[in-house]
């Protein structure tokens, strides 16, 4: 993949970024997830059940926004304080 970065302008103070976007994940507690939790399943099994129920992890939203050109890998790493 090839990523782009904004050149910058007066409006963004020459950073190439302006404004904010939300990077998120949402877990809907389906009956399957509730059952996995109540049955004291392992965290990895609960996660697997959640993904099978439509859960999209945080990192997938990050990846989608980077791929769409909404933001850059460097900006995500900076804002999320990942080294």
PDB file of N, CA and C in Angstrom:
ATOM      1  N   UNK A   1       0.835  -1.193   0.000  1.00  0.00           N
ATOM      2  CA  UNK A   1       0.000   0.000   0.000  1.00  0.00           C
ATOM      3  C   UNK A   1       0.868   1.239   0.000  1.00  0.00           C
ATOM      4  N   UNK A   2       0.371   2.268  -0.620  1.00  0.00           N
ATOM      5  CA  UNK A   2       1.067   3.544  -0.632  1.00  0.00           C
ATOM      6  C   UNK A   2       0.195   4.561   0.105  1.00  0.00           C
ATOM      7  N   UNK A   3       0.787   5.223   1.089  1.00  0.00           N
ATOM      8  CA  UNK A   3       0.046   6.185   1.896  1.00  0.00           C
ATOM      9  C   UNK A   3       0.426   7.599   1.495  1.00  0.00           C
ATOM     10  N   UNK A   4      -0.495   8.513   1.686  1.00  0.00           N
ATOM     11  CA  UNK A   4      -0.234   9.914   1.378  1.00  0.00           C
ATOM     12  C   UNK A   4      -0.220  10.727   2.662  1.00  0.00           C
ATOM     13  N   UNK A   5       0.364  11.885   2.580  1.00  0.00           N
ATOM     14  CA  UNK A   5       0.377  12.809   3.702  1.00  0.00           C
ATOM     15  C   UNK A   5       0.137  14.204   3.154  1.00  0.00           C
ATOM     16  N   UNK A   6      -0.699  14.968   3.859  1.00  0.00           N
ATOM     17  CA  UNK A   6      -0.979  16.329   3.422  1.00  0.00           C
ATOM     18  C   UNK A   6       0.260  17.207   3.463  1.00  0.00           C
ATOM     19  N   UNK A   7       0.321  18.176   2.538  1.00  0.00           N
ATOM     20  CA  UNK A   7       1.472  19.079   2.476  1.00  0.00           C
ATOM     21  C   UNK A   7       1.412  20.143   3.573  1.00  0.00           C
ATOM     22  N   UNK A   8       0.231  20.491   3.946  1.00  0.00           N
ATOM     23  CA  UNK A   8       0.080  21.551   4.943  1.00  0.00           C
ATOM     24  C   UNK A   8      -0.301  22.866   4.299  1.00  0.00           C
ATOM     25  N   UNK A   9      -0.895  23.731   5.096  1.00  0.00           N
ATOM     26  CA  UNK A   9      -1.330  25.045   4.637  1.00  0.00           C
ATOM     27  C   UNK A   9      -1.504  25.945   5.864  1.00  0.00           C
ATOM     28  N   UNK A  10      -1.933  27.167   5.639  1.00  0.00           N
ATOM     29  CA  UNK A  10      -2.147  28.086   6.756  1.00  0.00           C
ATOM     30  C   UNK A  10      -3.255  27.590   7.693  1.00  0.00           C
ATOM     31  N   UNK A  11      -4.301  27.001   7.117  1.00  0.00           N
ATOM     32  CA  UNK A  11      -5.439  26.559   7.932  1.00  0.00           C
ATOM     33  C   UNK A  11      -5.048  25.466   8.918  1.00  0.00           C
ATOM     34  N   UNK A  12      -4.082  24.604   8.528  1.00  0.00           N
ATOM     35  CA  UNK A  12      -3.693  23.494   9.414  1.00  0.00           C
ATOM     36  C   UNK A  12      -2.345  23.755  10.076  1.00  0.00           C
ATOM     37  N   UNK A  13      -1.854  24.981   9.961  1.00  0.00           N
ATOM     38  CA  UNK A  13      -0.565  25.354  10.542  1.00  0.00           C
ATOM     39  C   UNK A  13       0.566  24.476  10.005  1.00  0.00           C
ATOM     40  N   UNK A  14       0.440  24.162   8.709  1.00  0.00           N
ATOM     41  CA  UNK A  14       1.453  23.374   7.982  1.00  0.00           C
ATOM     42  C   UNK A  14       1.692  21.983   8.558  1.00  0.00           C
ATOM     43  N   UNK A  15       0.679  21.401   9.174  1.00  0.00           N
ATOM     44  CA  UNK A  15       0.822  20.040   9.694  1.00  0.00           C
ATOM     45  C   UNK A  15       0.311  18.991   8.710  1.00  0.00           C
ATOM     46  N   UNK A  16      -0.593  19.389   7.839  1.00  0.00           N
ATOM     47  CA  UNK A  16      -1.228  18.435   6.942  1.00  0.00           C
ATOM     48  C   UNK A  16      -2.483  17.816   7.542  1.00  0.00           C
ATOM     49  N   UNK A  17      -2.821  18.224   8.759  1.00  0.00           N
ATOM     50  CA  UNK A  17      -3.998  17.689   9.447  1.00  0.00           C
ATOM     51  C   UNK A  17      -4.883  18.838   9.920  1.00  0.00           C
ATOM     52  N   UNK A  18      -6.196  18.623   9.824  1.00  0.00           N
ATOM     53  CA  UNK A  18      -7.139  19.623  10.303  1.00  0.00           C
ATOM     54  C   UNK A  18      -8.368  18.912  10.842  1.00  0.00           C
ATOM     55  N   UNK A  19      -8.717  19.192  12.058  1.00  0.00           N
ATOM     56  CA  UNK A  19      -9.889  18.576  12.665  1.00  0.00           C
ATOM     57  C   UNK A  19      -9.562  17.238  13.293  1.00  0.00           C
ATOM     58  N   UNK A  20     -10.603  16.568  13.707  1.00  0.00           N
ATOM     59  CA  UNK A  20     -10.460  15.280  14.374  1.00  0.00           C
ATOM     60  C   UNK A  20     -11.454  14.294  13.792  1.00  0.00           C
ATOM     61  N   UNK A  21     -11.127  13.036  13.922  1.00  0.00           N
ATOM     62  CA  UNK A  21     -12.045  11.965  13.546  1.00  0.00           C
ATOM     63  C   UNK A  21     -12.124  11.000  14.717  1.00  0.00           C
ATOM     64  N   UNK A  22     -13.157  10.238  14.742  1.00  0.00           N
ATOM     65  CA  UNK A  22     -13.336   9.246  15.802  1.00  0.00           C
ATOM     66  C   UNK A  22     -12.855   7.893  15.303  1.00  0.00           C
ATOM     67  N   UNK A  23     -12.017   7.264  16.090  1.00  0.00           N
ATOM     68  CA  UNK A  23     -11.632   5.884  15.838  1.00  0.00           C
ATOM     69  C   UNK A  23     -12.251   5.083  16.976  1.00  0.00           C
ATOM     70  N   UNK A  24     -13.054   4.082  16.618  1.00  0.00           N
ATOM     71  CA  UNK A  24     -13.837   3.446  17.668  1.00  0.00           C
ATOM     72  C   UNK A  24     -14.081   1.962  17.408  1.00  0.00           C
ATOM     73  N   UNK A  25     -14.616   1.344  18.430  1.00  0.00           N
ATOM     74  CA  UNK A  25     -15.145  -0.004  18.318  1.00  0.00           C
ATOM     75  C   UNK A  25     -16.409  -0.043  19.156  1.00  0.00           C
ATOM     76  N   UNK A  26     -17.303  -0.913  18.765  1.00  0.00           N
ATOM     77  CA  UNK A  26     -18.570  -1.028  19.482  1.00  0.00           C
ATOM     78  C   UNK A  26     -18.896  -2.502  19.635  1.00  0.00           C
ATOM     79  N   UNK A  27     -19.136  -2.898  20.842  1.00  0.00           N
ATOM     80  CA  UNK A  27     -19.494  -4.286  21.121  1.00  0.00           C
ATOM     81  C   UNK A  27     -20.953  -4.333  21.538  1.00  0.00           C
ATOM     82  N   UNK A  28     -21.752  -5.001  20.733  1.00  0.00           N
ATOM     83  CA  UNK A  28     -23.147  -5.211  21.092  1.00  0.00           C
ATOM     84  C   UNK A  28     -23.229  -6.558  21.803  1.00  0.00           C
ATOM     85  N   UNK A  29     -23.804  -6.557  22.971  1.00  0.00           N
ATOM     86  CA  UNK A  29     -23.887  -7.778  23.764  1.00  0.00           C
ATOM     87  C   UNK A  29     -25.009  -8.673  23.248  1.00  0.00           C
ATOM     88  N   UNK A  30     -24.633  -9.549  22.318  1.00  0.00           N
ATOM     89  CA  UNK A  30     -25.591 -10.524  21.798  1.00  0.00           C
ATOM     90  C   UNK A  30     -25.787 -11.618  22.837  1.00  0.00           C
ATOM     91  N   UNK A  31     -26.782 -12.439  22.607  1.00  0.00           N
ATOM     92  CA  UNK A  31     -27.030 -13.541  23.533  1.00  0.00           C
ATOM     93  C   UNK A  31     -25.833 -14.490  23.570  1.00  0.00           C
ATOM     94  N   UNK A  32     -25.169 -14.685  22.426  1.00  0.00           N
ATOM     95  CA  UNK A  32     -23.999 -15.558  22.372  1.00  0.00           C
ATOM     96  C   UNK A  32     -22.858 -15.022  23.241  1.00  0.00           C
ATOM     97  N   UNK A  33     -22.651 -13.728  23.202  1.00  0.00           N
ATOM     98  CA  UNK A  33     -21.595 -13.119  24.019  1.00  0.00           C
ATOM     99  C   UNK A  33     -21.960 -13.203  25.499  1.00  0.00           C
ATOM    100  N   UNK A  34     -23.205 -12.918  25.812  1.00  0.00           N
ATOM    101  CA  UNK A  34     -23.653 -13.030  27.202  1.00  0.00           C
ATOM    102  C   UNK A  34     -23.451 -14.443  27.722  1.00  0.00           C
ATOM    103  N   UNK A  35     -23.811 -15.437  26.907  1.00  0.00           N
ATOM    104  CA  UNK A  35     -23.639 -16.829  27.316  1.00  0.00           C
ATOM    105  C   UNK A  35     -22.166 -17.161  27.548  1.00  0.00           C
ATOM    106  N   UNK A  36     -21.298 -16.694  26.659  1.00  0.00           N
ATOM    107  CA  UNK A  36     -19.859 -16.954  26.808  1.00  0.00           C
ATOM    108  C   UNK A  36     -19.335 -16.352  28.104  1.00  0.00           C
ATOM    109  N   UNK A  37     -19.789 -15.148  28.437  1.00  0.00           N
ATOM    110  CA  UNK A  37     -19.349 -14.490  29.676  1.00  0.00           C
ATOM    111  C   UNK A  37     -19.894 -15.235  30.895  1.00  0.00           C
ATOM    112  N   UNK A  38     -21.190 -15.527  30.885  1.00  0.00           N
ATOM    113  CA  UNK A  38     -21.807 -16.201  32.023  1.00  0.00           C
ATOM    114  C   UNK A  38     -21.272 -17.614  32.221  1.00  0.00           C
ATOM    115  N   UNK A  39     -20.820 -18.250  31.116  1.00  0.00           N
ATOM    116  CA  UNK A  39     -20.247 -19.596  31.196  1.00  0.00           C
ATOM    117  C   UNK A  39     -18.775 -19.568  31.559  1.00  0.00           C
ATOM    118  N   UNK A  40     -18.272 -18.355  31.857  1.00  0.00           N
ATOM    119  CA  UNK A  40     -16.876 -18.183  32.269  1.00  0.00           C
ATOM    120  C   UNK A  40     -15.890 -18.703  31.208  1.00  0.00           C
ATOM    121  N   UNK A  41     -16.232 -18.456  29.932  1.00  0.00           N
ATOM    122  CA  UNK A  41     -15.325 -18.824  28.842  1.00  0.00           C
ATOM    123  C   UNK A  41     -14.043 -18.016  28.942  1.00  0.00           C
ATOM    124  N   UNK A  42     -13.009 -18.481  28.275  1.00  0.00           N
ATOM    125  CA  UNK A  42     -11.734 -17.778  28.275  1.00  0.00           C
ATOM    126  C   UNK A  42     -11.890 -16.457  27.518  1.00  0.00           C
ATOM    127  N   UNK A  43     -11.051 -15.472  27.839  1.00  0.00           N
ATOM    128  CA  UNK A  43     -11.114 -14.198  27.109  1.00  0.00           C
ATOM    129  C   UNK A  43     -10.975 -14.380  25.599  1.00  0.00           C
ATOM    130  N   UNK A  44     -10.110 -15.285  25.175  1.00  0.00           N
ATOM    131  CA  UNK A  44      -9.935 -15.489  23.731  1.00  0.00           C
ATOM    132  C   UNK A  44     -11.193 -16.073  23.092  1.00  0.00           C
ATOM    133  N   UNK A  45     -11.914 -16.922  23.806  1.00  0.00           N
ATOM    134  CA  UNK A  45     -13.160 -17.472  23.276  1.00  0.00           C
ATOM    135  C   UNK A  45     -14.255 -16.411  23.250  1.00  0.00           C
ATOM    136  N   UNK A  46     -14.305 -15.569  24.259  1.00  0.00           N
ATOM    137  CA  UNK A  46     -15.285 -14.471  24.271  1.00  0.00           C
ATOM    138  C   UNK A  46     -15.004 -13.530  23.100  1.00  0.00           C
ATOM    139  N   UNK A  47     -13.725 -13.219  22.865  1.00  0.00           N
ATOM    140  CA  UNK A  47     -13.339 -12.357  21.745  1.00  0.00           C
ATOM    141  C   UNK A  47     -13.753 -12.992  20.417  1.00  0.00           C
ATOM    142  N   UNK A  48     -13.474 -14.284  20.258  1.00  0.00           N
ATOM    143  CA  UNK A  48     -13.835 -15.006  19.034  1.00  0.00           C
ATOM    144  C   UNK A  48     -15.348 -14.963  18.821  1.00  0.00           C
ATOM    145  N   UNK A  49     -16.093 -15.181  19.879  1.00  0.00           N
ATOM    146  CA  UNK A  49     -17.549 -15.119  19.798  1.00  0.00           C
ATOM    147  C   UNK A  49     -18.013 -13.729  19.399  1.00  0.00           C
ATOM    148  N   UNK A  50     -17.382 -12.702  19.953  1.00  0.00           N
ATOM    149  CA  UNK A  50     -17.745 -11.323  19.620  1.00  0.00           C
ATOM    150  C   UNK A  50     -17.495 -11.038  18.139  1.00  0.00           C
ATOM    151  N   UNK A  51     -16.334 -11.455  17.629  1.00  0.00           N
ATOM    152  CA  UNK A  51     -16.007 -11.226  16.217  1.00  0.00           C
ATOM    153  C   UNK A  51     -17.005 -11.968  15.328  1.00  0.00           C
ATOM    154  N   UNK A  52     -17.346 -13.186  15.700  1.00  0.00           N
ATOM    155  CA  UNK A  52     -18.333 -13.962  14.938  1.00  0.00           C
ATOM    156  C   UNK A  52     -19.709 -13.304  14.981  1.00  0.00           C
ATOM    157  N   UNK A  53     -19.963 -12.505  16.002  1.00  0.00           N
ATOM    158  CA  UNK A  53     -21.252 -11.809  16.147  1.00  0.00           C
ATOM    159  C   UNK A  53     -21.242 -10.432  15.494  1.00  0.00           C
ATOM    160  N   UNK A  54     -20.134 -10.085  14.823  1.00  0.00           N
ATOM    161  CA  UNK A  54     -20.094  -8.814  14.106  1.00  0.00           C
ATOM    162  C   UNK A  54     -19.224  -7.744  14.720  1.00  0.00           C
ATOM    163  N   UNK A  55     -18.566  -8.039  15.829  1.00  0.00           N
ATOM    164  CA  UNK A  55     -17.681  -7.065  16.475  1.00  0.00           C
ATOM    165  C   UNK A  55     -16.503  -6.752  15.560  1.00  0.00           C
ATOM    166  N   UNK A  56     -16.226  -5.473  15.385  1.00  0.00           N
ATOM    167  CA  UNK A  56     -15.073  -5.026  14.611  1.00  0.00           C
ATOM    168  C   UNK A  56     -14.110  -4.336  15.571  1.00  0.00           C
ATOM    169  N   UNK A  57     -12.936  -4.930  15.791  1.00  0.00           N
ATOM    170  CA  UNK A  57     -11.995  -4.367  16.767  1.00  0.00           C
ATOM    171  C   UNK A  57     -11.476  -2.990  16.375  1.00  0.00           C
ATOM    172  N   UNK A  58     -11.071  -2.269  17.381  1.00  0.00           N
ATOM    173  CA  UNK A  58     -10.518  -0.923  17.256  1.00  0.00           C
ATOM    174  C   UNK A  58      -9.497  -0.823  16.119  1.00  0.00           C
ATOM    175  N   UNK A  59      -8.580  -1.775  16.048  1.00  0.00           N
ATOM    176  CA  UNK A  59      -7.510  -1.721  15.063  1.00  0.00           C
ATOM    177  C   UNK A  59      -8.050  -1.798  13.637  1.00  0.00           C
ATOM    178  N   UNK A  60      -9.181  -2.441  13.446  1.00  0.00           N
ATOM    179  CA  UNK A  60      -9.785  -2.515  12.115  1.00  0.00           C
ATOM    180  C   UNK A  60     -10.303  -1.147  11.671  1.00  0.00           C
ATOM    181  N   UNK A  61     -10.825  -0.364  12.609  1.00  0.00           N
ATOM    182  CA  UNK A  61     -11.276   0.991  12.276  1.00  0.00           C
ATOM    183  C   UNK A  61     -10.080   1.871  11.938  1.00  0.00           C
ATOM    184  N   UNK A  62      -8.981   1.699  12.688  1.00  0.00           N
ATOM    185  CA  UNK A  62      -7.748   2.433  12.388  1.00  0.00           C
ATOM    186  C   UNK A  62      -7.283   2.082  10.976  1.00  0.00           C
ATOM    187  N   UNK A  63      -7.213   0.789  10.687  1.00  0.00           N
ATOM    188  CA  UNK A  63      -6.752   0.325   9.372  1.00  0.00           C
ATOM    189  C   UNK A  63      -7.629   0.873   8.249  1.00  0.00           C
ATOM    190  N   UNK A  64      -8.937   0.852   8.437  1.00  0.00           N
ATOM    191  CA  UNK A  64      -9.862   1.330   7.407  1.00  0.00           C
ATOM    192  C   UNK A  64      -9.666   2.819   7.136  1.00  0.00           C
ATOM    193  N   UNK A  65      -9.462   3.615   8.191  1.00  0.00           N
ATOM    194  CA  UNK A  65      -9.289   5.057   8.004  1.00  0.00           C
ATOM    195  C   UNK A  65      -7.946   5.389   7.362  1.00  0.00           C
ATOM    196  N   UNK A  66      -6.922   4.617   7.676  1.00  0.00           N
ATOM    197  CA  UNK A  66      -5.614   4.814   7.039  1.00  0.00           C
ATOM    198  C   UNK A  66      -5.707   4.440   5.563  1.00  0.00           C
ATOM    199  N   UNK A  67      -6.309   3.291   5.277  1.00  0.00           N
ATOM    200  CA  UNK A  67      -6.439   2.822   3.902  1.00  0.00           C
ATOM    201  C   UNK A  67      -7.268   3.779   3.052  1.00  0.00           C
ATOM    202  N   UNK A  68      -8.288   4.382   3.651  1.00  0.00           N
ATOM    203  CA  UNK A  68      -9.149   5.333   2.935  1.00  0.00           C
ATOM    204  C   UNK A  68      -8.485   6.693   2.757  1.00  0.00           C
ATOM    205  N   UNK A  69      -7.338   6.891   3.386  1.00  0.00           N
ATOM    206  CA  UNK A  69      -6.643   8.169   3.263  1.00  0.00           C
ATOM    207  C   UNK A  69      -7.174   9.245   4.184  1.00  0.00           C
ATOM    208  N   UNK A  70      -7.975   8.860   5.155  1.00  0.00           N
ATOM    209  CA  UNK A  70      -8.534   9.820   6.106  1.00  0.00           C
ATOM    210  C   UNK A  70      -7.459  10.303   7.069  1.00  0.00           C
ATOM    211  N   UNK A  71      -6.515   9.433   7.375  1.00  0.00           N
ATOM    212  CA  UNK A  71      -5.408   9.776   8.268  1.00  0.00           C
ATOM    213  C   UNK A  71      -4.187   8.965   7.844  1.00  0.00           C
ATOM    214  N   UNK A  72      -3.104   9.105   8.576  1.00  0.00           N
ATOM    215  CA  UNK A  72      -1.866   8.399   8.234  1.00  0.00           C
ATOM    216  C   UNK A  72      -1.454   7.476   9.373  1.00  0.00           C
ATOM    217  N   UNK A  73      -0.631   6.479   9.071  1.00  0.00           N
ATOM    218  CA  UNK A  73      -0.135   5.612  10.138  1.00  0.00           C
ATOM    219  C   UNK A  73       0.622   6.408  11.205  1.00  0.00           C
ATOM    220  N   UNK A  74       1.437   7.361  10.770  1.00  0.00           N
ATOM    221  CA  UNK A  74       2.222   8.165  11.719  1.00  0.00           C
ATOM    222  C   UNK A  74       1.334   8.943  12.674  1.00  0.00           C
ATOM    223  N   UNK A  75       0.251   9.513  12.160  1.00  0.00           N
ATOM    224  CA  UNK A  75      -0.645  10.294  13.009  1.00  0.00           C
ATOM    225  C   UNK A  75      -1.359   9.389  14.014  1.00  0.00           C
ATOM    226  N   UNK A  76      -1.769   8.216  13.582  1.00  0.00           N
ATOM    227  CA  UNK A  76      -2.404   7.275  14.515  1.00  0.00           C
ATOM    228  C   UNK A  76      -1.442   6.859  15.609  1.00  0.00           C
ATOM    229  N   UNK A  77      -0.210   6.549  15.247  1.00  0.00           N
ATOM    230  CA  UNK A  77       0.785   6.163  16.240  1.00  0.00           C
ATOM    231  C   UNK A  77       1.059   7.316  17.201  1.00  0.00           C
ATOM    232  N   UNK A  78       1.120   8.543  16.682  1.00  0.00           N
ATOM    233  CA  UNK A  78       1.399   9.705  17.527  1.00  0.00           C
ATOM    234  C   UNK A  78       0.268   9.937  18.511  1.00  0.00           C
ATOM    235  N   UNK A  79      -0.959   9.972  18.011  1.00  0.00           N
ATOM    236  CA  UNK A  79      -2.112  10.290  18.849  1.00  0.00           C
ATOM    237  C   UNK A  79      -2.388   9.174  19.855  1.00  0.00           C
ATOM    238  N   UNK A  80      -2.189   7.933  19.439  1.00  0.00           N
ATOM    239  CA  UNK A  80      -2.427   6.806  20.335  1.00  0.00           C
ATOM    240  C   UNK A  80      -1.249   6.527  21.247  1.00  0.00           C
ATOM    241  N   UNK A  81      -0.181   7.310  21.093  1.00  0.00           N
ATOM    242  CA  UNK A  81       1.023   7.199  21.906  1.00  0.00           C
ATOM    243  C   UNK A  81       1.614   5.796  21.842  1.00  0.00           C
ATOM    244  N   UNK A  82       1.683   5.281  20.603  1.00  0.00           N
ATOM    245  CA  UNK A  82       2.269   3.961  20.372  1.00  0.00           C
ATOM    246  C   UNK A  82       3.664   4.161  19.791  1.00  0.00           C
ATOM    247  N   UNK A  83       4.634   3.531  20.407  1.00  0.00           N
ATOM    248  CA  UNK A  83       6.013   3.700  19.942  1.00  0.00           C
ATOM    249  C   UNK A  83       6.506   2.472  19.243  1.00  0.00           C
TER     250      UNK A  83
END
